[in-house]
Structure formats: C-alpha cells, structure tokens
Amino acid sequence: MYGLNGFKSYFLKTTLGVIIGLIGLFTQPAGAESKSIDNAWKLKPLVLNDLQGKPHNLYDWHGKVILLNFWATWCGPCQVEIPDLIRWQRDYAGKGLQVVSVGLDEVRKLKNFVRTVGINYPVLQADPEQQYSLLRQWGDPFGVLPFSVVIGQDGHLIFMQQGVFRQEAFDRFVKPLLN
C-alpha cells in the first residue's frame, strides 16, 4: 500500500497537519483588530484552477465581498468551519458575498470531499508543495490552517484570521460590508 517510507511520510504529514490545525483552532486570530492594510488587486494575482481544471483569477469576483478561505482535507479545524461557509454562501450570496476557497491538497481528495460535504462555493486547488509561499503571500507567515481573508468590494483587505472563522468574526467583519 504505502511501503515503510511512504507510510512514514504520510504519517508525518498527517500528524503535522493535525498539530498545525489544532494550534490554529486554539490560538487568537491574527489581525483581529487589523485595518485595511492593502488592496488584493495590487497583490500578485491569485490564479488557480478549479477542480475541473478551469483557471480562475480571484479578480473574477471583484465587486463582491470575498471570504477567501485556505484549507485542506486533512485539517480537522478546516472541516469544523466548512458547514458555516456553506451556510453563509447560501444565505448571503444575494447580498454580495462570495466564499472562495483554496484547497491545499490533491485534486482527487478535494473532489471527493466537496462531493461528500456538498460545498456550494468555488474551490480552487493550489499545489501542496507551494502552500507555505502562497499562505505567506496572503498574510499567514506560519502556514496555519484554516486561514481566512475578508476582501471588501473594492479589493481592500479588511481582516485576516488563522484558525476557525467563527460566527462572531463573520458578524463583525463580513456582514457590515454586505448589501
């Protein structure tokens, strides 16, 4: 199945992922009081393929309030917040919200998870080998998952958070931006 070296690698990655996820679950949000620090449209463009292989630029959703969420299928805290992301997308899409997620995992695993859980928002796939550079670019220097960024309609970065994005953060940083 895995072989000894493959099993060790899988075990280490899984264990590390759980530890990093738990740290994110129990730590204070990064930038909880942050102000608009930059504009997403001035950063290096985020262009990734969806799970069908079609490329998307984050700018495709400009003019909406974007809740950009970085996650992985092996991340327990990520799995905890996904039902809320699904609910928010369903309930607030008509008011200008667009949840966009970046799955830091293999396409096959992401497709299976999306189908099983019923994710109703775009899921883009990033190469797991480059996840840390991508997370650093967006303001997560330690690569803690889940990681969320709220982007205003004009592209301003409103809020960033390591760990589970909870209802309180949604009410405080997303709802006031919606129509």
C-alpha atoms as a PDB file:
ATOM      1  CA  MET A   1       0.000   0.000   0.000  1.00  0.00           C
ATOM      2  CA  TYR A   2       2.326   2.782   1.190  1.00  0.00           C
ATOM      3  CA  GLY A   3       5.555   0.935   1.929  1.00  0.00           C
ATOM      4  CA  LEU A   4       7.549   1.852   5.004  1.00  0.00           C
ATOM      5  CA  ASN A   5       8.901   5.157   3.666  1.00  0.00           C
ATOM      6  CA  GLY A   6       5.542   6.136   2.164  1.00  0.00           C
ATOM      7  CA  PHE A   7       3.777   5.360   5.429  1.00  0.00           C
ATOM      8  CA  LYS A   8       6.300   7.389   7.426  1.00  0.00           C
ATOM      9  CA  SER A   9       5.849  10.347   5.074  1.00  0.00           C
ATOM     10  CA  TYR A  10       2.053  10.059   5.209  1.00  0.00           C
ATOM     11  CA  PHE A  11       2.095   9.727   8.999  1.00  0.00           C
ATOM     12  CA  LEU A  12       4.388  12.744   9.446  1.00  0.00           C
ATOM     13  CA  LYS A  13       2.341  14.928   7.087  1.00  0.00           C
ATOM     14  CA  THR A  14      -0.929  13.912   8.737  1.00  0.00           C
ATOM     15  CA  THR A  15       0.409  14.381  12.269  1.00  0.00           C
ATOM     16  CA  LEU A  16       1.923  17.750  11.395  1.00  0.00           C
ATOM     17  CA  GLY A  17      -1.330  18.811   9.760  1.00  0.00           C
ATOM     18  CA  VAL A  18      -3.356  17.896  12.840  1.00  0.00           C
ATOM     19  CA  ILE A  19      -0.927  19.747  15.140  1.00  0.00           C
ATOM     20  CA  ILE A  20      -0.908  22.858  12.956  1.00  0.00           C
ATOM     21  CA  GLY A  21      -4.687  22.749  12.695  1.00  0.00           C
ATOM     22  CA  LEU A  22      -5.104  22.427  16.455  1.00  0.00           C
ATOM     23  CA  ILE A  23      -2.769  25.359  17.004  1.00  0.00           C
ATOM     24  CA  GLY A  24      -4.975  27.368  14.653  1.00  0.00           C
ATOM     25  CA  LEU A  25      -8.106  26.232  16.472  1.00  0.00           C
ATOM     26  CA  PHE A  26      -6.900  27.357  19.888  1.00  0.00           C
ATOM     27  CA  THR A  27      -4.869  30.470  19.091  1.00  0.00           C
ATOM     28  CA  GLN A  28      -6.117  34.010  18.923  1.00  0.00           C
ATOM     29  CA  PRO A  29      -6.979  35.210  15.422  1.00  0.00           C
ATOM     30  CA  ALA A  30      -4.190  37.008  13.622  1.00  0.00           C
ATOM     31  CA  GLY A  31      -5.048  40.622  12.972  1.00  0.00           C
ATOM     32  CA  ALA A  32      -8.247  40.550  14.974  1.00  0.00           C
ATOM     33  CA  GLU A  33      -8.149  44.322  15.134  1.00  0.00           C
ATOM     34  CA  SER A  34      -6.471  44.844  11.767  1.00  0.00           C
ATOM     35  CA  LYS A  35      -7.402  47.706   9.481  1.00  0.00           C
ATOM     36  CA  SER A  36      -7.439  47.713   5.708  1.00  0.00           C
ATOM     37  CA  ILE A  37      -3.772  47.103   5.098  1.00  0.00           C
ATOM     38  CA  ASP A  38      -3.613  46.706   1.359  1.00  0.00           C
ATOM     39  CA  ASN A  39      -5.613  46.036  -1.742  1.00  0.00           C
ATOM     40  CA  ALA A  40      -5.984  42.460  -3.005  1.00  0.00           C
ATOM     41  CA  TRP A  41      -5.930  43.652  -6.613  1.00  0.00           C
ATOM     42  CA  LYS A  42      -2.443  45.122  -6.099  1.00  0.00           C
ATOM     43  CA  LEU A  43      -1.012  41.811  -4.833  1.00  0.00           C
ATOM     44  CA  LYS A  44       0.374  39.177  -7.170  1.00  0.00           C
ATOM     45  CA  PRO A  45      -2.733  37.817  -8.959  1.00  0.00           C
ATOM     46  CA  LEU A  46      -4.152  34.660  -7.428  1.00  0.00           C
ATOM     47  CA  VAL A  47      -4.813  32.464 -10.459  1.00  0.00           C
ATOM     48  CA  LEU A  48      -5.586  28.821  -9.744  1.00  0.00           C
ATOM     49  CA  ASN A  49      -7.552  26.038 -11.394  1.00  0.00           C
ATOM     50  CA  ASP A  50     -10.894  24.885 -10.093  1.00  0.00           C
ATOM     51  CA  LEU A  51     -11.459  21.169  -9.575  1.00  0.00           C
ATOM     52  CA  GLN A  52     -12.432  20.730 -13.229  1.00  0.00           C
ATOM     53  CA  GLY A  53      -9.127  22.253 -14.368  1.00  0.00           C
ATOM     54  CA  LYS A  54     -10.547  25.641 -15.423  1.00  0.00           C
ATOM     55  CA  PRO A  55      -8.333  28.593 -14.392  1.00  0.00           C
ATOM     56  CA  HIS A  56      -9.823  31.342 -12.236  1.00  0.00           C
ATOM     57  CA  ASN A  57      -8.394  34.655 -11.132  1.00  0.00           C
ATOM     58  CA  LEU A  58      -9.562  35.889  -7.732  1.00  0.00           C
ATOM     59  CA  TYR A  59     -10.355  39.126  -9.582  1.00  0.00           C
ATOM     60  CA  ASP A  60     -13.195  37.199 -11.303  1.00  0.00           C
ATOM     61  CA  TRP A  61     -15.199  38.006  -8.170  1.00  0.00           C
ATOM     62  CA  HIS A  62     -14.278  41.715  -7.828  1.00  0.00           C
ATOM     63  CA  GLY A  63     -17.223  43.850  -6.771  1.00  0.00           C
ATOM     64  CA  LYS A  64     -18.295  41.243  -4.233  1.00  0.00           C
ATOM     65  CA  VAL A  65     -17.289  40.812  -0.612  1.00  0.00           C
ATOM     66  CA  ILE A  66     -14.938  37.839  -0.787  1.00  0.00           C
ATOM     67  CA  LEU A  67     -14.320  35.462   2.077  1.00  0.00           C
ATOM     68  CA  LEU A  68     -11.139  33.754   0.880  1.00  0.00           C
ATOM     69  CA  ASN A  69     -10.524  30.556   2.813  1.00  0.00           C
ATOM     70  CA  PHE A  70      -7.395  28.377   2.675  1.00  0.00           C
ATOM     71  CA  TRP A  71      -7.923  24.786   3.848  1.00  0.00           C
ATOM     72  CA  ALA A  72      -7.032  21.128   3.342  1.00  0.00           C
ATOM     73  CA  THR A  73      -8.979  17.886   3.590  1.00  0.00           C
ATOM     74  CA  TRP A  74      -6.660  16.560   6.315  1.00  0.00           C
ATOM     75  CA  CYS A  75      -7.199  19.637   8.524  1.00  0.00           C
ATOM     76  CA  GLY A  76      -9.707  18.937  11.305  1.00  0.00           C
ATOM     77  CA  PRO A  77     -10.403  22.599  12.155  1.00  0.00           C
ATOM     78  CA  CYS A  78     -10.971  23.266   8.443  1.00  0.00           C
ATOM     79  CA  GLN A  79     -13.671  20.606   8.460  1.00  0.00           C
ATOM     80  CA  VAL A  80     -15.250  22.272  11.517  1.00  0.00           C
ATOM     81  CA  GLU A  81     -15.763  25.603   9.737  1.00  0.00           C
ATOM     82  CA  ILE A  82     -16.914  24.352   6.323  1.00  0.00           C
ATOM     83  CA  PRO A  83     -20.607  23.941   7.289  1.00  0.00           C
ATOM     84  CA  ASP A  84     -20.655  27.638   8.284  1.00  0.00           C
ATOM     85  CA  LEU A  85     -19.006  28.653   4.998  1.00  0.00           C
ATOM     86  CA  ILE A  86     -21.662  26.642   3.107  1.00  0.00           C
ATOM     87  CA  ARG A  87     -24.455  28.300   5.118  1.00  0.00           C
ATOM     88  CA  TRP A  88     -23.032  31.818   4.685  1.00  0.00           C
ATOM     89  CA  GLN A  89     -22.662  31.330   0.934  1.00  0.00           C
ATOM     90  CA  ARG A  90     -26.254  30.079   0.702  1.00  0.00           C
ATOM     91  CA  ASP A  91     -27.730  32.814   2.917  1.00  0.00           C
ATOM     92  CA  TYR A  92     -25.688  35.839   1.818  1.00  0.00           C
ATOM     93  CA  ALA A  93     -24.808  35.311  -1.859  1.00  0.00           C
ATOM     94  CA  GLY A  94     -27.735  37.533  -2.815  1.00  0.00           C
ATOM     95  CA  LYS A  95     -26.335  40.294  -0.600  1.00  0.00           C
ATOM     96  CA  GLY A  96     -22.942  40.333  -2.313  1.00  0.00           C
ATOM     97  CA  LEU A  97     -20.946  37.610  -0.520  1.00  0.00           C
ATOM     98  CA  GLN A  98     -18.726  35.201  -2.394  1.00  0.00           C
ATOM     99  CA  VAL A  99     -16.912  32.498  -0.470  1.00  0.00           C
ATOM    100  CA  VAL A 100     -13.883  31.290  -2.442  1.00  0.00           C
ATOM    101  CA  SER A 101     -11.748  28.513  -1.076  1.00  0.00           C
ATOM    102  CA  VAL A 102      -8.240  27.392  -1.901  1.00  0.00           C
ATOM    103  CA  GLY A 103      -7.743  23.714  -1.225  1.00  0.00           C
ATOM    104  CA  LEU A 104      -4.140  22.843  -0.412  1.00  0.00           C
ATOM    105  CA  ASP A 105      -4.463  19.218  -1.354  1.00  0.00           C
ATOM    106  CA  GLU A 106      -4.609  16.804  -4.298  1.00  0.00           C
ATOM    107  CA  VAL A 107      -7.470  17.405  -6.735  1.00  0.00           C
ATOM    108  CA  ARG A 108      -8.837  13.868  -6.208  1.00  0.00           C
ATOM    109  CA  LYS A 109      -9.073  14.338  -2.440  1.00  0.00           C
ATOM    110  CA  LEU A 110     -10.655  17.776  -2.821  1.00  0.00           C
ATOM    111  CA  LYS A 111     -13.260  16.492  -5.316  1.00  0.00           C
ATOM    112  CA  ASN A 112     -14.233  13.643  -3.002  1.00  0.00           C
ATOM    113  CA  PHE A 113     -14.535  15.987  -0.030  1.00  0.00           C
ATOM    114  CA  VAL A 114     -16.531  18.622  -1.947  1.00  0.00           C
ATOM    115  CA  ARG A 115     -18.954  15.978  -3.225  1.00  0.00           C
ATOM    116  CA  THR A 116     -19.358  14.349   0.202  1.00  0.00           C
ATOM    117  CA  VAL A 117     -19.901  17.583   2.139  1.00  0.00           C
ATOM    118  CA  GLY A 118     -21.826  19.483  -0.556  1.00  0.00           C
ATOM    119  CA  ILE A 119     -19.673  22.599  -0.834  1.00  0.00           C
ATOM    120  CA  ASN A 120     -21.645  25.269  -2.728  1.00  0.00           C
ATOM    121  CA  TYR A 121     -18.869  27.783  -3.458  1.00  0.00           C
ATOM    122  CA  PRO A 122     -15.837  27.768  -5.765  1.00  0.00           C
ATOM    123  CA  VAL A 123     -12.978  25.531  -4.695  1.00  0.00           C
ATOM    124  CA  LEU A 124      -9.656  26.302  -6.305  1.00  0.00           C
ATOM    125  CA  GLN A 125      -6.695  23.965  -5.992  1.00  0.00           C
ATOM    126  CA  ALA A 126      -3.170  25.001  -5.041  1.00  0.00           C
ATOM    127  CA  ASP A 127      -0.115  22.809  -5.248  1.00  0.00           C
ATOM    128  CA  PRO A 128       0.502  21.491  -1.718  1.00  0.00           C
ATOM    129  CA  GLU A 129       4.252  21.907  -2.334  1.00  0.00           C
ATOM    130  CA  GLN A 130       3.796  25.671  -2.632  1.00  0.00           C
ATOM    131  CA  GLN A 131       1.227  26.172   0.117  1.00  0.00           C
ATOM    132  CA  TYR A 132       3.565  27.967   2.513  1.00  0.00           C
ATOM    133  CA  SER A 133       4.698  30.558  -0.019  1.00  0.00           C
ATOM    134  CA  LEU A 134       1.072  31.134  -1.026  1.00  0.00           C
ATOM    135  CA  LEU A 135      -0.056  31.487   2.591  1.00  0.00           C
ATOM    136  CA  ARG A 136       2.819  33.883   3.362  1.00  0.00           C
ATOM    137  CA  GLN A 137       1.855  35.996   0.360  1.00  0.00           C
ATOM    138  CA  TRP A 138      -1.654  36.367   1.804  1.00  0.00           C
ATOM    139  CA  GLY A 139      -0.535  37.167   5.359  1.00  0.00           C
ATOM    140  CA  ASP A 140      -0.179  33.789   7.099  1.00  0.00           C
ATOM    141  CA  PRO A 141       3.565  33.577   7.852  1.00  0.00           C
ATOM    142  CA  PHE A 142       3.359  30.295   9.779  1.00  0.00           C
ATOM    143  CA  GLY A 143       1.094  28.411   7.368  1.00  0.00           C
ATOM    144  CA  VAL A 144      -1.633  27.779   9.942  1.00  0.00           C
ATOM    145  CA  LEU A 145      -4.819  26.281   8.506  1.00  0.00           C
ATOM    146  CA  PRO A 146      -7.542  27.184   8.160  1.00  0.00           C
ATOM    147  CA  PHE A 147      -6.709  30.732   7.168  1.00  0.00           C
ATOM    148  CA  SER A 148      -9.292  33.270   6.033  1.00  0.00           C
ATOM    149  CA  VAL A 149      -9.092  36.705   4.433  1.00  0.00           C
ATOM    150  CA  VAL A 150     -12.028  39.100   4.093  1.00  0.00           C
ATOM    151  CA  ILE A 151     -11.750  41.265   0.976  1.00  0.00           C
ATOM    152  CA  GLY A 152     -14.048  44.256   0.539  1.00  0.00           C
ATOM    153  CA  GLN A 153     -15.907  45.034  -2.690  1.00  0.00           C
ATOM    154  CA  ASP A 154     -13.159  47.484  -3.650  1.00  0.00           C
ATOM    155  CA  GLY A 155     -10.408  44.920  -3.038  1.00  0.00           C
ATOM    156  CA  HIS A 156      -9.233  46.185   0.347  1.00  0.00           C
ATOM    157  CA  LEU A 157      -8.003  43.517   2.739  1.00  0.00           C
ATOM    158  CA  ILE A 158     -10.334  44.001   5.697  1.00  0.00           C
ATOM    159  CA  PHE A 159      -9.487  41.124   8.033  1.00  0.00           C
ATOM    160  CA  MET A 160      -7.223  38.068   8.262  1.00  0.00           C
ATOM    161  CA  GLN A 161      -7.541  35.158  10.632  1.00  0.00           C
ATOM    162  CA  GLN A 162      -5.628  31.988  11.372  1.00  0.00           C
ATOM    163  CA  GLY A 163      -7.840  29.233  12.734  1.00  0.00           C
ATOM    164  CA  VAL A 164     -11.566  28.611  12.514  1.00  0.00           C
ATOM    165  CA  PHE A 165     -13.560  31.557  11.141  1.00  0.00           C
ATOM    166  CA  ARG A 166     -16.485  31.754  13.535  1.00  0.00           C
ATOM    167  CA  GLN A 167     -19.865  33.445  13.507  1.00  0.00           C
ATOM    168  CA  GLU A 168     -18.587  36.326  15.672  1.00  0.00           C
ATOM    169  CA  ALA A 169     -15.942  37.228  13.081  1.00  0.00           C
ATOM    170  CA  PHE A 170     -18.497  36.911  10.281  1.00  0.00           C
ATOM    171  CA  ASP A 171     -20.914  39.223  12.092  1.00  0.00           C
ATOM    172  CA  ARG A 172     -18.207  41.768  12.858  1.00  0.00           C
ATOM    173  CA  PHE A 173     -16.169  41.858   9.650  1.00  0.00           C
ATOM    174  CA  VAL A 174     -18.316  40.490   6.815  1.00  0.00           C
ATOM    175  CA  LYS A 175     -21.952  41.388   7.500  1.00  0.00           C
ATOM    176  CA  PRO A 176     -21.359  45.168   7.654  1.00  0.00           C
ATOM    177  CA  LEU A 177     -19.882  45.019   4.132  1.00  0.00           C
ATOM    178  CA  LEU A 178     -22.909  43.292   2.574  1.00  0.00           C
ATOM    179  CA  ASN A 179     -25.807  44.999   0.771  1.00  0.00           C
END
